[in-house]
Amino acid sequence: MLGLLISEMEQKEIEYLLKRELEELLMDLEDGRIDHMVKRAMRERYRLLFQLLRRVASEKECLKYMPKRRENQ
């Protein structure tokens, strides 16, 4: 386990960057031209980034980016 001390401004910047990346991934996941293997890797990246967001954002903010449950998992 690692610890990290950051200022409130740095925390907000990390939160902002994570949200933008999650939004980009969501848009790309809806693109039908992208191969399913690539989308699988994108979903894994989304899960990882969401876990990071949970550490710096409020519960209310995290709910907006909650990964959707998939039927075939």
PDB file of N, CA and C in Angstrom:
ATOM      1  N   MET A   1       0.850  -1.169   0.000  1.00  0.00           N
ATOM      2  CA  MET A   1       0.000   0.000   0.000  1.00  0.00           C
ATOM      3  C   MET A   1       0.897   1.233   0.000  1.00  0.00           C
ATOM      4  N   LEU A   2       0.477   2.216  -0.781  1.00  0.00           N
ATOM      5  CA  LEU A   2       1.209   3.469  -0.866  1.00  0.00           C
ATOM      6  C   LEU A   2       0.330   4.605  -0.361  1.00  0.00           C
ATOM      7  N   GLY A   3       0.951   5.622   0.168  1.00  0.00           N
ATOM      8  CA  GLY A   3       0.237   6.821   0.589  1.00  0.00           C
ATOM      9  C   GLY A   3       0.639   7.984  -0.307  1.00  0.00           C
ATOM     10  N   LEU A   4      -0.219   8.988  -0.353  1.00  0.00           N
ATOM     11  CA  LEU A   4       0.047  10.124  -1.212  1.00  0.00           C
ATOM     12  C   LEU A   4      -0.545  11.369  -0.570  1.00  0.00           C
ATOM     13  N   LEU A   5       0.283  12.375  -0.386  1.00  0.00           N
ATOM     14  CA  LEU A   5      -0.201  13.653   0.133  1.00  0.00           C
ATOM     15  C   LEU A   5      -0.298  14.630  -1.026  1.00  0.00           C
ATOM     16  N   ILE A   6      -1.495  15.149  -1.239  1.00  0.00           N
ATOM     17  CA  ILE A   6      -1.712  16.114  -2.310  1.00  0.00           C
ATOM     18  C   ILE A   6      -2.563  17.259  -1.772  1.00  0.00           C
ATOM     19  N   SER A   7      -2.414  18.399  -2.395  1.00  0.00           N
ATOM     20  CA  SER A   7      -3.218  19.553  -1.990  1.00  0.00           C
ATOM     21  C   SER A   7      -4.636  19.398  -2.557  1.00  0.00           C
ATOM     22  N   GLU A   8      -5.538  20.238  -2.083  1.00  0.00           N
ATOM     23  CA  GLU A   8      -6.912  20.193  -2.580  1.00  0.00           C
ATOM     24  C   GLU A   8      -6.962  20.530  -4.064  1.00  0.00           C
ATOM     25  N   MET A   9      -6.136  21.472  -4.488  1.00  0.00           N
ATOM     26  CA  MET A   9      -6.097  21.832  -5.898  1.00  0.00           C
ATOM     27  C   MET A   9      -5.611  20.647  -6.753  1.00  0.00           C
ATOM     28  N   GLU A  10      -4.604  19.942  -6.286  1.00  0.00           N
ATOM     29  CA  GLU A  10      -4.109  18.768  -7.003  1.00  0.00           C
ATOM     30  C   GLU A  10      -5.170  17.674  -7.048  1.00  0.00           C
ATOM     31  N   GLN A  11      -5.895  17.514  -5.975  1.00  0.00           N
ATOM     32  CA  GLN A  11      -6.972  16.518  -5.910  1.00  0.00           C
ATOM     33  C   GLN A  11      -8.043  16.836  -6.945  1.00  0.00           C
ATOM     34  N   LYS A  12      -8.418  18.095  -7.069  1.00  0.00           N
ATOM     35  CA  LYS A  12      -9.422  18.504  -8.049  1.00  0.00           C
ATOM     36  C   LYS A  12      -8.909  18.286  -9.474  1.00  0.00           C
ATOM     37  N   GLU A  13      -7.632  18.538  -9.706  1.00  0.00           N
ATOM     38  CA  GLU A  13      -7.051  18.334 -11.032  1.00  0.00           C
ATOM     39  C   GLU A  13      -7.047  16.850 -11.393  1.00  0.00           C
ATOM     40  N   ILE A  14      -6.684  15.994 -10.456  1.00  0.00           N
ATOM     41  CA  ILE A  14      -6.709  14.545 -10.690  1.00  0.00           C
ATOM     42  C   ILE A  14      -8.135  14.095 -10.985  1.00  0.00           C
ATOM     43  N   GLU A  15      -9.081  14.591 -10.203  1.00  0.00           N
ATOM     44  CA  GLU A  15     -10.494  14.253 -10.414  1.00  0.00           C
ATOM     45  C   GLU A  15     -10.932  14.669 -11.829  1.00  0.00           C
ATOM     46  N   TYR A  16     -10.572  15.872 -12.231  1.00  0.00           N
ATOM     47  CA  TYR A  16     -10.924  16.377 -13.557  1.00  0.00           C
ATOM     48  C   TYR A  16     -10.337  15.491 -14.660  1.00  0.00           C
ATOM     49  N   LEU A  17      -9.062  15.159 -14.548  1.00  0.00           N
ATOM     50  CA  LEU A  17      -8.406  14.335 -15.564  1.00  0.00           C
ATOM     51  C   LEU A  17      -9.037  12.950 -15.664  1.00  0.00           C
ATOM     52  N   LEU A  18      -9.347  12.358 -14.534  1.00  0.00           N
ATOM     53  CA  LEU A  18      -9.973  11.039 -14.531  1.00  0.00           C
ATOM     54  C   LEU A  18     -11.355  11.084 -15.177  1.00  0.00           C
ATOM     55  N   LYS A  19     -12.126  12.095 -14.858  1.00  0.00           N
ATOM     56  CA  LYS A  19     -13.471  12.228 -15.443  1.00  0.00           C
ATOM     57  C   LYS A  19     -13.396  12.374 -16.962  1.00  0.00           C
ATOM     58  N   ARG A  20     -12.480  13.199 -17.453  1.00  0.00           N
ATOM     59  CA  ARG A  20     -12.357  13.384 -18.903  1.00  0.00           C
ATOM     60  C   ARG A  20     -11.965  12.071 -19.581  1.00  0.00           C
ATOM     61  N   GLU A  21     -11.041  11.342 -18.978  1.00  0.00           N
ATOM     62  CA  GLU A  21     -10.611  10.074 -19.566  1.00  0.00           C
ATOM     63  C   GLU A  21     -11.757   9.058 -19.558  1.00  0.00           C
ATOM     64  N   LEU A  22     -12.523   9.018 -18.476  1.00  0.00           N
ATOM     65  CA  LEU A  22     -13.664   8.100 -18.400  1.00  0.00           C
ATOM     66  C   LEU A  22     -14.708   8.463 -19.456  1.00  0.00           C
ATOM     67  N   GLU A  23     -14.961   9.733 -19.650  1.00  0.00           N
ATOM     68  CA  GLU A  23     -15.924  10.163 -20.671  1.00  0.00           C
ATOM     69  C   GLU A  23     -15.461   9.771 -22.069  1.00  0.00           C
ATOM     70  N   GLU A  24     -14.172   9.914 -22.333  1.00  0.00           N
ATOM     71  CA  GLU A  24     -13.629   9.518 -23.634  1.00  0.00           C
ATOM     72  C   GLU A  24     -13.781   8.022 -23.855  1.00  0.00           C
ATOM     73  N   LEU A  25     -13.488   7.250 -22.825  1.00  0.00           N
ATOM     74  CA  LEU A  25     -13.639   5.802 -22.942  1.00  0.00           C
ATOM     75  C   LEU A  25     -15.094   5.417 -23.187  1.00  0.00           C
ATOM     76  N   LEU A  26     -16.021   6.068 -22.510  1.00  0.00           N
ATOM     77  CA  LEU A  26     -17.438   5.773 -22.720  1.00  0.00           C
ATOM     78  C   LEU A  26     -17.839   6.041 -24.167  1.00  0.00           C
ATOM     79  N   MET A  27     -17.376   7.143 -24.723  1.00  0.00           N
ATOM     80  CA  MET A  27     -17.680   7.458 -26.128  1.00  0.00           C
ATOM     81  C   MET A  27     -17.097   6.401 -27.055  1.00  0.00           C
ATOM     82  N   ASP A  28     -15.852   6.014 -26.817  1.00  0.00           N
ATOM     83  CA  ASP A  28     -15.202   5.022 -27.665  1.00  0.00           C
ATOM     84  C   ASP A  28     -15.854   3.655 -27.536  1.00  0.00           C
ATOM     85  N   LEU A  29     -16.339   3.302 -26.368  1.00  0.00           N
ATOM     86  CA  LEU A  29     -16.989   2.008 -26.181  1.00  0.00           C
ATOM     87  C   LEU A  29     -18.290   1.904 -26.975  1.00  0.00           C
ATOM     88  N   GLU A  30     -18.899   3.026 -27.283  1.00  0.00           N
ATOM     89  CA  GLU A  30     -20.128   3.034 -28.079  1.00  0.00           C
ATOM     90  C   GLU A  30     -19.858   2.988 -29.580  1.00  0.00           C
ATOM     91  N   ASP A  31     -18.604   3.156 -29.974  1.00  0.00           N
ATOM     92  CA  ASP A  31     -18.239   3.158 -31.388  1.00  0.00           C
ATOM     93  C   ASP A  31     -18.238   1.726 -31.927  1.00  0.00           C
ATOM     94  N   GLY A  32     -19.106   1.463 -32.883  1.00  0.00           N
ATOM     95  CA  GLY A  32     -19.231   0.119 -33.444  1.00  0.00           C
ATOM     96  C   GLY A  32     -18.061  -0.309 -34.311  1.00  0.00           C
ATOM     97  N   ARG A  33     -17.213   0.622 -34.699  1.00  0.00           N
ATOM     98  CA  ARG A  33     -16.082   0.284 -35.573  1.00  0.00           C
ATOM     99  C   ARG A  33     -14.915  -0.320 -34.801  1.00  0.00           C
ATOM    100  N   ILE A  34     -14.934  -0.209 -33.473  1.00  0.00           N
ATOM    101  CA  ILE A  34     -13.814  -0.696 -32.668  1.00  0.00           C
ATOM    102  C   ILE A  34     -13.995  -2.181 -32.373  1.00  0.00           C
ATOM    103  N   ASP A  35     -12.937  -2.931 -32.553  1.00  0.00           N
ATOM    104  CA  ASP A  35     -12.926  -4.376 -32.356  1.00  0.00           C
ATOM    105  C   ASP A  35     -13.266  -4.748 -30.914  1.00  0.00           C
ATOM    106  N   HIS A  36     -13.924  -5.886 -30.731  1.00  0.00           N
ATOM    107  CA  HIS A  36     -14.340  -6.302 -29.384  1.00  0.00           C
ATOM    108  C   HIS A  36     -13.162  -6.578 -28.451  1.00  0.00           C
ATOM    109  N   MET A  37     -12.030  -7.014 -28.998  1.00  0.00           N
ATOM    110  CA  MET A  37     -10.843  -7.251 -28.157  1.00  0.00           C
ATOM    111  C   MET A  37     -10.305  -5.927 -27.617  1.00  0.00           C
ATOM    112  N   VAL A  38     -10.335  -4.917 -28.446  1.00  0.00           N
ATOM    113  CA  VAL A  38      -9.885  -3.588 -28.032  1.00  0.00           C
ATOM    114  C   VAL A  38     -10.850  -3.042 -26.982  1.00  0.00           C
ATOM    115  N   LYS A  39     -12.142  -3.258 -27.195  1.00  0.00           N
ATOM    116  CA  LYS A  39     -13.137  -2.791 -26.230  1.00  0.00           C
ATOM    117  C   LYS A  39     -12.979  -3.484 -24.882  1.00  0.00           C
ATOM    118  N   ARG A  40     -12.582  -4.739 -24.893  1.00  0.00           N
ATOM    119  CA  ARG A  40     -12.358  -5.446 -23.626  1.00  0.00           C
ATOM    120  C   ARG A  40     -11.239  -4.766 -22.834  1.00  0.00           C
ATOM    121  N   ALA A  41     -10.164  -4.402 -23.522  1.00  0.00           N
ATOM    122  CA  ALA A  41      -9.056  -3.702 -22.872  1.00  0.00           C
ATOM    123  C   ALA A  41      -9.507  -2.320 -22.391  1.00  0.00           C
ATOM    124  N   MET A  42     -10.364  -1.673 -23.176  1.00  0.00           N
ATOM    125  CA  MET A  42     -10.874  -0.358 -22.785  1.00  0.00           C
ATOM    126  C   MET A  42     -11.750  -0.467 -21.531  1.00  0.00           C
ATOM    127  N   ARG A  43     -12.559  -1.522 -21.450  1.00  0.00           N
ATOM    128  CA  ARG A  43     -13.398  -1.720 -20.254  1.00  0.00           C
ATOM    129  C   ARG A  43     -12.533  -1.953 -19.017  1.00  0.00           C
ATOM    130  N   GLU A  44     -11.446  -2.689 -19.177  1.00  0.00           N
ATOM    131  CA  GLU A  44     -10.532  -2.929 -18.054  1.00  0.00           C
ATOM    132  C   GLU A  44      -9.885  -1.614 -17.617  1.00  0.00           C
ATOM    133  N   ARG A  45      -9.488  -0.806 -18.570  1.00  0.00           N
ATOM    134  CA  ARG A  45      -8.921   0.509 -18.254  1.00  0.00           C
ATOM    135  C   ARG A  45      -9.960   1.385 -17.552  1.00  0.00           C
ATOM    136  N   TYR A  46     -11.196   1.312 -18.019  1.00  0.00           N
ATOM    137  CA  TYR A  46     -12.279   2.083 -17.406  1.00  0.00           C
ATOM    138  C   TYR A  46     -12.430   1.681 -15.935  1.00  0.00           C
ATOM    139  N   ARG A  47     -12.423   0.383 -15.668  1.00  0.00           N
ATOM    140  CA  ARG A  47     -12.556  -0.095 -14.269  1.00  0.00           C
ATOM    141  C   ARG A  47     -11.422   0.429 -13.398  1.00  0.00           C
ATOM    142  N   LEU A  48     -10.217   0.383 -13.922  1.00  0.00           N
ATOM    143  CA  LEU A  48      -9.052   0.857 -13.167  1.00  0.00           C
ATOM    144  C   LEU A  48      -9.160   2.354 -12.883  1.00  0.00           C
ATOM    145  N   LEU A  49      -9.495   3.134 -13.901  1.00  0.00           N
ATOM    146  CA  LEU A  49      -9.620   4.580 -13.711  1.00  0.00           C
ATOM    147  C   LEU A  49     -10.775   4.921 -12.772  1.00  0.00           C
ATOM    148  N   PHE A  50     -11.854   4.146 -12.834  1.00  0.00           N
ATOM    149  CA  PHE A  50     -12.978   4.380 -11.930  1.00  0.00           C
ATOM    150  C   PHE A  50     -12.553   4.129 -10.483  1.00  0.00           C
ATOM    151  N   GLN A  51     -11.747   3.110 -10.254  1.00  0.00           N
ATOM    152  CA  GLN A  51     -11.254   2.839  -8.900  1.00  0.00           C
ATOM    153  C   GLN A  51     -10.419   4.016  -8.394  1.00  0.00           C
ATOM    154  N   LEU A  52      -9.627   4.605  -9.261  1.00  0.00           N
ATOM    155  CA  LEU A  52      -8.851   5.788  -8.877  1.00  0.00           C
ATOM    156  C   LEU A  52      -9.764   6.968  -8.584  1.00  0.00           C
ATOM    157  N   LEU A  53     -10.805   7.142  -9.409  1.00  0.00           N
ATOM    158  CA  LEU A  53     -11.752   8.236  -9.192  1.00  0.00           C
ATOM    159  C   LEU A  53     -12.428   8.098  -7.830  1.00  0.00           C
ATOM    160  N   ARG A  54     -12.756   6.880  -7.450  1.00  0.00           N
ATOM    161  CA  ARG A  54     -13.403   6.652  -6.156  1.00  0.00           C
ATOM    162  C   ARG A  54     -12.549   7.144  -4.990  1.00  0.00           C
ATOM    163  N   ARG A  55     -11.256   7.184  -5.177  1.00  0.00           N
ATOM    164  CA  ARG A  55     -10.351   7.615  -4.110  1.00  0.00           C
ATOM    165  C   ARG A  55     -10.273   9.136  -3.967  1.00  0.00           C
ATOM    166  N   VAL A  56     -10.615   9.862  -5.024  1.00  0.00           N
ATOM    167  CA  VAL A  56     -10.454  11.318  -4.968  1.00  0.00           C
ATOM    168  C   VAL A  56     -11.752  12.102  -5.104  1.00  0.00           C
ATOM    169  N   ALA A  57     -12.829  11.464  -5.564  1.00  0.00           N
ATOM    170  CA  ALA A  57     -14.086  12.181  -5.819  1.00  0.00           C
ATOM    171  C   ALA A  57     -15.138  11.801  -4.781  1.00  0.00           C
ATOM    172  N   SER A  58     -16.152  12.641  -4.699  1.00  0.00           N
ATOM    173  CA  SER A  58     -17.265  12.369  -3.789  1.00  0.00           C
ATOM    174  C   SER A  58     -18.105  11.213  -4.329  1.00  0.00           C
ATOM    175  N   GLU A  59     -18.904  10.637  -3.449  1.00  0.00           N
ATOM    176  CA  GLU A  59     -19.767   9.522  -3.850  1.00  0.00           C
ATOM    177  C   GLU A  59     -20.739   9.972  -4.947  1.00  0.00           C
ATOM    178  N   LYS A  60     -21.260  11.181  -4.812  1.00  0.00           N
ATOM    179  CA  LYS A  60     -22.202  11.724  -5.793  1.00  0.00           C
ATOM    180  C   LYS A  60     -21.554  11.814  -7.177  1.00  0.00           C
ATOM    181  N   GLU A  61     -20.313  12.277  -7.230  1.00  0.00           N
ATOM    182  CA  GLU A  61     -19.602  12.373  -8.506  1.00  0.00           C
ATOM    183  C   GLU A  61     -19.313  10.989  -9.082  1.00  0.00           C
ATOM    184  N   CYS A  62     -18.976  10.039  -8.219  1.00  0.00           N
ATOM    185  CA  CYS A  62     -18.651   8.693  -8.686  1.00  0.00           C
ATOM    186  C   CYS A  62     -19.868   7.991  -9.280  1.00  0.00           C
ATOM    187  N   LEU A  63     -21.037   8.274  -8.750  1.00  0.00           N
ATOM    188  CA  LEU A  63     -22.253   7.628  -9.254  1.00  0.00           C
ATOM    189  C   LEU A  63     -22.479   7.932 -10.730  1.00  0.00           C
ATOM    190  N   LYS A  64     -22.059   9.102 -11.177  1.00  0.00           N
ATOM    191  CA  LYS A  64     -22.228   9.489 -12.582  1.00  0.00           C
ATOM    192  C   LYS A  64     -21.412   8.595 -13.516  1.00  0.00           C
ATOM    193  N   TYR A  65     -20.334   8.027 -13.004  1.00  0.00           N
ATOM    194  CA  TYR A  65     -19.416   7.238 -13.821  1.00  0.00           C
ATOM    195  C   TYR A  65     -19.429   5.759 -13.462  1.00  0.00           C
ATOM    196  N   MET A  66     -20.402   5.339 -12.675  1.00  0.00           N
ATOM    197  CA  MET A  66     -20.503   3.945 -12.243  1.00  0.00           C
ATOM    198  C   MET A  66     -20.562   3.042 -13.476  1.00  0.00           C
ATOM    199  N   PRO A  67     -19.680   2.047 -13.555  1.00  0.00           N
ATOM    200  CA  PRO A  67     -19.709   1.146 -14.718  1.00  0.00           C
ATOM    201  C   PRO A  67     -21.043   0.411 -14.795  1.00  0.00           C
ATOM    202  N   LYS A  68     -21.530   0.259 -16.016  1.00  0.00           N
ATOM    203  CA  LYS A  68     -22.786  -0.455 -16.244  1.00  0.00           C
ATOM    204  C   LYS A  68     -22.540  -1.956 -16.148  1.00  0.00           C
ATOM    205  N   ARG A  69     -23.511  -2.666 -15.594  1.00  0.00           N
ATOM    206  CA  ARG A  69     -23.428  -4.145 -15.563  1.00  0.00           C
ATOM    207  C   ARG A  69     -23.735  -4.653 -16.958  1.00  0.00           C
ATOM    208  N   ARG A  70     -22.952  -5.621 -17.391  1.00  0.00           N
ATOM    209  CA  ARG A  70     -23.203  -6.219 -18.697  1.00  0.00           C
ATOM    210  C   ARG A  70     -23.866  -7.569 -18.509  1.00  0.00           C
ATOM    211  N   GLU A  71     -24.742  -7.916 -19.413  1.00  0.00           N
ATOM    212  CA  GLU A  71     -25.517  -9.150 -19.324  1.00  0.00           C
ATOM    213  C   GLU A  71     -24.652 -10.390 -19.554  1.00  0.00           C
ATOM    214  N   ASN A  72     -23.668 -10.306 -20.420  1.00  0.00           N
ATOM    215  CA  ASN A  72     -22.902 -11.503 -20.801  1.00  0.00           C
ATOM    216  C   ASN A  72     -21.639 -11.697 -19.971  1.00  0.00           C
ATOM    217  N   GLN A  73     -21.550 -11.074 -18.831  1.00  0.00           N
ATOM    218  CA  GLN A  73     -20.367 -11.274 -17.990  1.00  0.00           C
ATOM    219  C   GLN A  73     -20.612 -12.356 -16.992  1.00  0.00           C
TER     220      GLN A  73
END
